[in-house]
C-alpha atoms as a PDB file:
ATOM      1  CA  MET A   1      -5.610 -11.057 -22.504  1.00  0.00           C
ATOM      2  CA  THR A   2      -7.024 -11.060 -19.000  1.00  0.00           C
ATOM      3  CA  ASN A   3      -8.968  -8.147 -17.664  1.00  0.00           C
ATOM      4  CA  ILE A   4      -7.297  -7.370 -14.343  1.00  0.00           C
ATOM      5  CA  ARG A   5      -9.346  -5.266 -11.981  1.00  0.00           C
ATOM      6  CA  ARG A   6      -7.333  -3.040  -9.670  1.00  0.00           C
ATOM      7  CA  TYR A   7      -9.115  -1.610  -6.672  1.00  0.00           C
ATOM      8  CA  PRO A   8      -8.202   1.806  -5.264  1.00  0.00           C
ATOM      9  CA  ALA A   9      -6.002   1.650  -2.189  1.00  0.00           C
ATOM     10  CA  ASN A  10      -8.225   3.914  -0.061  1.00  0.00           C
ATOM     11  CA  ASN A  11      -5.395   4.601   2.381  1.00  0.00           C
ATOM     12  CA  GLN A  12      -4.509   0.902   2.693  1.00  0.00           C
ATOM     13  CA  PRO A  13      -1.016  -0.531   2.264  1.00  0.00           C
ATOM     14  CA  ILE A  14      -0.487  -2.545  -0.915  1.00  0.00           C
ATOM     15  CA  PHE A  15       1.712  -5.601  -1.359  1.00  0.00           C
ATOM     16  CA  ILE A  16       3.210  -5.696  -4.857  1.00  0.00           C
ATOM     17  CA  THR A  17       5.215  -8.299  -6.748  1.00  0.00           C
ATOM     18  CA  ALA A  18       6.824  -7.315 -10.050  1.00  0.00           C
ATOM     19  CA  VAL A  19       8.664  -9.941 -12.086  1.00  0.00           C
ATOM     20  CA  CYS A  20      11.359  -9.574 -14.726  1.00  0.00           C
ATOM     21  CA  TYR A  21      10.467 -10.586 -18.267  1.00  0.00           C
ATOM     22  CA  ARG A  22      10.510 -14.382 -18.657  1.00  0.00           C
ATOM     23  CA  ARG A  23      12.028 -14.586 -15.174  1.00  0.00           C
ATOM     24  CA  LYS A  24      15.398 -13.490 -16.524  1.00  0.00           C
ATOM     25  CA  PRO A  25      17.744 -12.555 -13.665  1.00  0.00           C
ATOM     26  CA  ILE A  26      17.983  -8.908 -14.729  1.00  0.00           C
ATOM     27  CA  LEU A  27      18.446  -7.874 -11.085  1.00  0.00           C
ATOM     28  CA  ALA A  28      21.113 -10.488 -10.237  1.00  0.00           C
ATOM     29  CA  GLY A  29      23.985  -8.034  -9.923  1.00  0.00           C
ATOM     30  CA  ALA A  30      24.492  -5.736  -6.960  1.00  0.00           C
ATOM     31  CA  SER A  31      24.560  -2.717  -9.279  1.00  0.00           C
ATOM     32  CA  GLU A  32      21.147  -3.613 -10.758  1.00  0.00           C
ATOM     33  CA  LYS A  33      19.660  -4.077  -7.295  1.00  0.00           C
ATOM     34  CA  GLU A  34      21.089  -0.728  -6.207  1.00  0.00           C
ATOM     35  CA  LEU A  35      19.789   0.873  -9.396  1.00  0.00           C
ATOM     36  CA  LEU A  36      16.264  -0.397  -8.691  1.00  0.00           C
ATOM     37  CA  LEU A  37      16.379   0.869  -5.104  1.00  0.00           C
ATOM     38  CA  SER A  38      17.655   4.224  -6.340  1.00  0.00           C
ATOM     39  CA  VAL A  39      14.817   4.416  -8.871  1.00  0.00           C
ATOM     40  CA  MET A  40      12.281   3.557  -6.155  1.00  0.00           C
ATOM     41  CA  ARG A  41      13.581   6.462  -4.058  1.00  0.00           C
ATOM     42  CA  GLU A  42      13.460   8.812  -7.070  1.00  0.00           C
ATOM     43  CA  VAL A  43       9.866   7.872  -7.847  1.00  0.00           C
ATOM     44  CA  LYS A  44       9.004   8.281  -4.160  1.00  0.00           C
ATOM     45  CA  ALA A  45      10.332  11.836  -4.340  1.00  0.00           C
ATOM     46  CA  ASN A  46       7.978  12.587  -7.257  1.00  0.00           C
ATOM     47  CA  ILE A  47       4.893  10.571  -6.308  1.00  0.00           C
ATOM     48  CA  THR A  48       4.211  10.580  -2.595  1.00  0.00           C
ATOM     49  CA  PHE A  49       4.001   7.178  -0.912  1.00  0.00           C
ATOM     50  CA  ARG A  50       5.506   5.429   2.088  1.00  0.00           C
ATOM     51  CA  MET A  51       7.784   2.487   1.441  1.00  0.00           C
ATOM     52  CA  LEU A  52       6.956   0.077   4.265  1.00  0.00           C
ATOM     53  CA  ALA A  53       9.030  -2.945   3.211  1.00  0.00           C
ATOM     54  CA  TYR A  54      10.901  -4.318   0.212  1.00  0.00           C
ATOM     55  CA  ALA A  55      13.107  -7.116  -1.039  1.00  0.00           C
ATOM     56  CA  VAL A  56      14.862  -7.043  -4.399  1.00  0.00           C
ATOM     57  CA  LEU A  57      15.757 -10.496  -5.693  1.00  0.00           C
ATOM     58  CA  ASP A  58      17.431 -11.636  -8.920  1.00  0.00           C
ATOM     59  CA  ASP A  59      14.303 -11.828 -11.092  1.00  0.00           C
ATOM     60  CA  HIS A  60      11.594 -10.021  -9.124  1.00  0.00           C
ATOM     61  CA  PHE A  61      10.903  -7.664  -6.275  1.00  0.00           C
ATOM     62  CA  HIS A  62       8.364  -7.498  -3.481  1.00  0.00           C
ATOM     63  CA  TRP A  63       7.186  -4.194  -2.182  1.00  0.00           C
ATOM     64  CA  LEU A  64       4.837  -3.000   0.519  1.00  0.00           C
ATOM     65  CA  ILE A  65       3.822   0.615   0.014  1.00  0.00           C
ATOM     66  CA  LEU A  66       1.233   3.063   1.293  1.00  0.00           C
ATOM     67  CA  PRO A  67       0.343   5.603  -1.421  1.00  0.00           C
ATOM     68  CA  GLU A  68      -1.113   8.985  -0.622  1.00  0.00           C
ATOM     69  CA  PRO A  69      -4.907   8.919  -1.142  1.00  0.00           C
ATOM     70  CA  ASP A  70      -4.739  10.660  -4.544  1.00  0.00           C
ATOM     71  CA  ASN A  71      -1.851   8.576  -5.907  1.00  0.00           C
ATOM     72  CA  ASP A  72      -2.566   5.528  -8.038  1.00  0.00           C
ATOM     73  CA  PHE A  73      -0.298   2.622  -7.104  1.00  0.00           C
ATOM     74  CA  SER A  74      -0.388   1.278 -10.680  1.00  0.00           C
ATOM     75  CA  GLY A  75       1.163   4.548 -11.787  1.00  0.00           C
ATOM     76  CA  ILE A  76       3.829   4.204  -9.109  1.00  0.00           C
ATOM     77  CA  VAL A  77       4.769   0.710 -10.298  1.00  0.00           C
ATOM     78  CA  GLN A  78       4.719   1.831 -13.934  1.00  0.00           C
ATOM     79  CA  SER A  79       7.000   4.761 -13.099  1.00  0.00           C
ATOM     80  CA  VAL A  80       9.486   2.475 -11.339  1.00  0.00           C
ATOM     81  CA  LYS A  81       9.552  -0.021 -14.207  1.00  0.00           C
ATOM     82  CA  LEU A  82       9.899   2.641 -16.906  1.00  0.00           C
ATOM     83  CA  ARG A  83      12.527   4.671 -15.085  1.00  0.00           C
ATOM     84  CA  PHE A  84      14.522   1.534 -14.251  1.00  0.00           C
ATOM     85  CA  THR A  85      14.387   0.402 -17.891  1.00  0.00           C
ATOM     86  CA  HIS A  86      15.593   3.787 -19.170  1.00  0.00           C
ATOM     87  CA  ARG A  87      18.428   3.944 -16.632  1.00  0.00           C
ATOM     88  CA  TRP A  88      19.389   0.290 -17.228  1.00  0.00           C
ATOM     89  CA  LYS A  89      19.553   0.889 -20.995  1.00  0.00           C
ATOM     90  CA  ARG A  90      21.736   3.968 -20.486  1.00  0.00           C
ATOM     91  CA  GLU A  91      24.117   2.112 -18.166  1.00  0.00           C
ATOM     92  CA  HIS A  92      24.351  -0.865 -20.552  1.00  0.00           C
ATOM     93  CA  ASN A  93      24.603   1.261 -23.735  1.00  0.00           C
ATOM     94  CA  ALA A  94      21.526  -0.488 -25.122  1.00  0.00           C
ATOM     95  CA  ASN A  95      20.121   1.422 -28.081  1.00  0.00           C
ATOM     96  CA  GLN A  96      17.583  -1.163 -29.216  1.00  0.00           C
ATOM     97  CA  PRO A  97      14.198  -1.739 -27.580  1.00  0.00           C
ATOM     98  CA  VAL A  98      14.437  -4.073 -24.614  1.00  0.00           C
ATOM     99  CA  THR A  99      11.828  -5.750 -22.445  1.00  0.00           C
ATOM    100  CA  LEU A 100      12.946  -6.067 -18.837  1.00  0.00           C
ATOM    101  CA  TRP A 101       9.622  -6.526 -17.026  1.00  0.00           C
ATOM    102  CA  GLN A 102       6.540  -8.652 -17.364  1.00  0.00           C
ATOM    103  CA  ARG A 103       3.667  -6.434 -18.442  1.00  0.00           C
ATOM    104  CA  ARG A 104       1.550  -7.042 -15.379  1.00  0.00           C
ATOM    105  CA  PHE A 105       2.277  -7.079 -11.674  1.00  0.00           C
ATOM    106  CA  TRP A 106       0.559  -8.743  -8.765  1.00  0.00           C
ATOM    107  CA  ASP A 107      -1.027  -6.683  -6.002  1.00  0.00           C
ATOM    108  CA  HIS A 108      -2.869  -7.321  -2.762  1.00  0.00           C
ATOM    109  CA  LEU A 109      -4.605  -4.701  -0.629  1.00  0.00           C
ATOM    110  CA  ILE A 110      -3.675  -5.213   3.008  1.00  0.00           C
ATOM    111  CA  ARG A 111      -6.800  -5.860   5.034  1.00  0.00           C
ATOM    112  CA  ASP A 112      -5.711  -5.569   8.663  1.00  0.00           C
ATOM    113  CA  THR A 113      -2.708  -5.582  11.004  1.00  0.00           C
ATOM    114  CA  ASP A 114      -2.284  -9.373  10.855  1.00  0.00           C
ATOM    115  CA  ASP A 115      -2.318  -9.267   7.044  1.00  0.00           C
ATOM    116  CA  LEU A 116       0.270  -6.472   7.129  1.00  0.00           C
ATOM    117  CA  HIS A 117       2.609  -8.471   9.372  1.00  0.00           C
ATOM    118  CA  ARG A 118       2.182 -11.655   7.291  1.00  0.00           C
ATOM    119  CA  HIS A 119       3.132  -9.851   4.090  1.00  0.00           C
ATOM    120  CA  MET A 120       6.014  -8.036   5.746  1.00  0.00           C
ATOM    121  CA  ASP A 121       7.297 -11.386   7.036  1.00  0.00           C
ATOM    122  CA  TYR A 122       6.923 -12.858   3.559  1.00  0.00           C
ATOM    123  CA  ILE A 123       8.958 -10.042   2.026  1.00  0.00           C
ATOM    124  CA  HIS A 124      11.737 -10.302   4.591  1.00  0.00           C
ATOM    125  CA  TYR A 125      11.956 -14.090   4.467  1.00  0.00           C
ATOM    126  CA  ASN A 126      11.986 -14.201   0.645  1.00  0.00           C
ATOM    127  CA  PRO A 127      15.806 -14.058   0.214  1.00  0.00           C
ATOM    128  CA  VAL A 128      16.075 -17.102   2.508  1.00  0.00           C
ATOM    129  CA  LYS A 129      13.273 -18.889   0.653  1.00  0.00           C
ATOM    130  CA  HIS A 130      15.207 -18.407  -2.607  1.00  0.00           C
ATOM    131  CA  ARG A 131      18.422 -19.626  -0.933  1.00  0.00           C
ATOM    132  CA  LEU A 132      20.287 -16.380  -1.507  1.00  0.00           C
ATOM    133  CA  VAL A 133      21.165 -16.247   2.201  1.00  0.00           C
ATOM    134  CA  SER A 134      20.463 -18.364   5.265  1.00  0.00           C
ATOM    135  CA  ASP A 135      19.750 -15.355   7.491  1.00  0.00           C
ATOM    136  CA  PRO A 136      17.460 -12.477   6.434  1.00  0.00           C
ATOM    137  CA  ALA A 137      19.815 -10.089   8.253  1.00  0.00           C
ATOM    138  CA  ALA A 138      22.592 -11.022   5.811  1.00  0.00           C
ATOM    139  CA  TYR A 139      20.673  -9.814   2.749  1.00  0.00           C
ATOM    140  CA  PRO A 140      21.511  -6.174   1.968  1.00  0.00           C
ATOM    141  CA  TRP A 141      18.711  -5.533  -0.570  1.00  0.00           C
ATOM    142  CA  SER A 142      15.739  -5.702   1.742  1.00  0.00           C
ATOM    143  CA  SER A 143      14.291  -3.571   4.491  1.00  0.00           C
ATOM    144  CA  PHE A 144      14.774  -6.320   7.084  1.00  0.00           C
ATOM    145  CA  LEU A 145      17.683  -4.705   8.950  1.00  0.00           C
ATOM    146  CA  ALA A 146      15.799  -1.397   9.252  1.00  0.00           C
ATOM    147  CA  HIS A 147      12.822  -3.213  10.761  1.00  0.00           C
ATOM    148  CA  GLN A 148      15.059  -5.278  13.023  1.00  0.00           C
ATOM    149  CA  ALA A 149      16.755  -2.092  14.262  1.00  0.00           C
ATOM    150  CA  LYS A 150      13.306  -0.777  15.232  1.00  0.00           C
ATOM    151  CA  GLY A 151      12.674  -3.926  17.290  1.00  0.00           C
ATOM    152  CA  ARG A 152      10.148  -5.494  14.919  1.00  0.00           C
ATOM    153  CA  TYR A 153      12.211  -8.658  14.432  1.00  0.00           C
ATOM    154  CA  PRO A 154      14.319 -10.445  17.042  1.00  0.00           C
ATOM    155  CA  LYS A 155      17.872 -11.531  16.344  1.00  0.00           C
ATOM    156  CA  GLY A 156      17.852 -14.889  14.568  1.00  0.00           C
ATOM    157  CA  TRP A 157      14.367 -14.468  13.096  1.00  0.00           C
ATOM    158  CA  GLY A 158      13.902 -16.634  10.002  1.00  0.00           C
ATOM    159  CA  VAL A 159      17.240 -18.412  10.329  1.00  0.00           C
ATOM    160  CA  GLN A 160      16.176 -21.912  11.374  1.00  0.00           C
ATOM    161  CA  GLN A 161      12.801 -22.157   9.642  1.00  0.00           C
ATOM    162  CA  ALA A 162      10.163 -20.201   7.801  1.00  0.00           C
ATOM    163  CA  PRO A 163       7.905 -18.235  10.124  1.00  0.00           C
ATOM    164  CA  ASP A 164       4.490 -19.806  10.684  1.00  0.00           C
ATOM    165  CA  SER A 165       2.865 -16.555   9.526  1.00  0.00           C
ATOM    166  CA  ILE A 166       3.882 -17.120   5.880  1.00  0.00           C
ATOM    167  CA  LYS A 167       3.433 -20.849   5.390  1.00  0.00           C
ATOM    168  CA  ALA A 168       0.232 -20.383   3.358  1.00  0.00           C
ATOM    169  CA  LEU A 169       1.591 -17.495   1.260  1.00  0.00           C
ATOM    170  CA  ASN A 170       3.229 -17.842  -2.144  1.00  0.00           C
ATOM    171  CA  PHE A 171       3.530 -14.822  -4.415  1.00  0.00           C
ATOM    172  CA  GLU A 172       6.200 -15.912  -6.856  1.00  0.00           C
END
């Protein structure tokens, strides 16, 4: 087993990727995606953090959050995974133990404004990268439309080609 070292956020945004167990498409249905987003909001109500960006795909999700200084982001991710699993089991009448998530998750502390924008672009382009849509604005389970409404993305962004800002990034 690897010994993963997690550094404290120290008031920095964190990019997170969490993957379903064995890449099974647990989140493929609209109801599962909505359930995960609902769980994220519930956890946010209990453990204070800002949700800066997200994209929920069929077998993983990407998240950009800013925890309060005293809140451990590993605990936030653990709470989301556990709460989602409990709610998923209840909705699917699953009484036996089930593994929905890989044990670990990937994280990256955002270093500066350019790093923040690169990771936000990566998150918002991810549904296009996975060929779920051809336009990020057409994907309802990401924060892209909210950011576009605030003027952070122009109309047509990410439709013709991947943005240059993410060409060196791959967090799958």
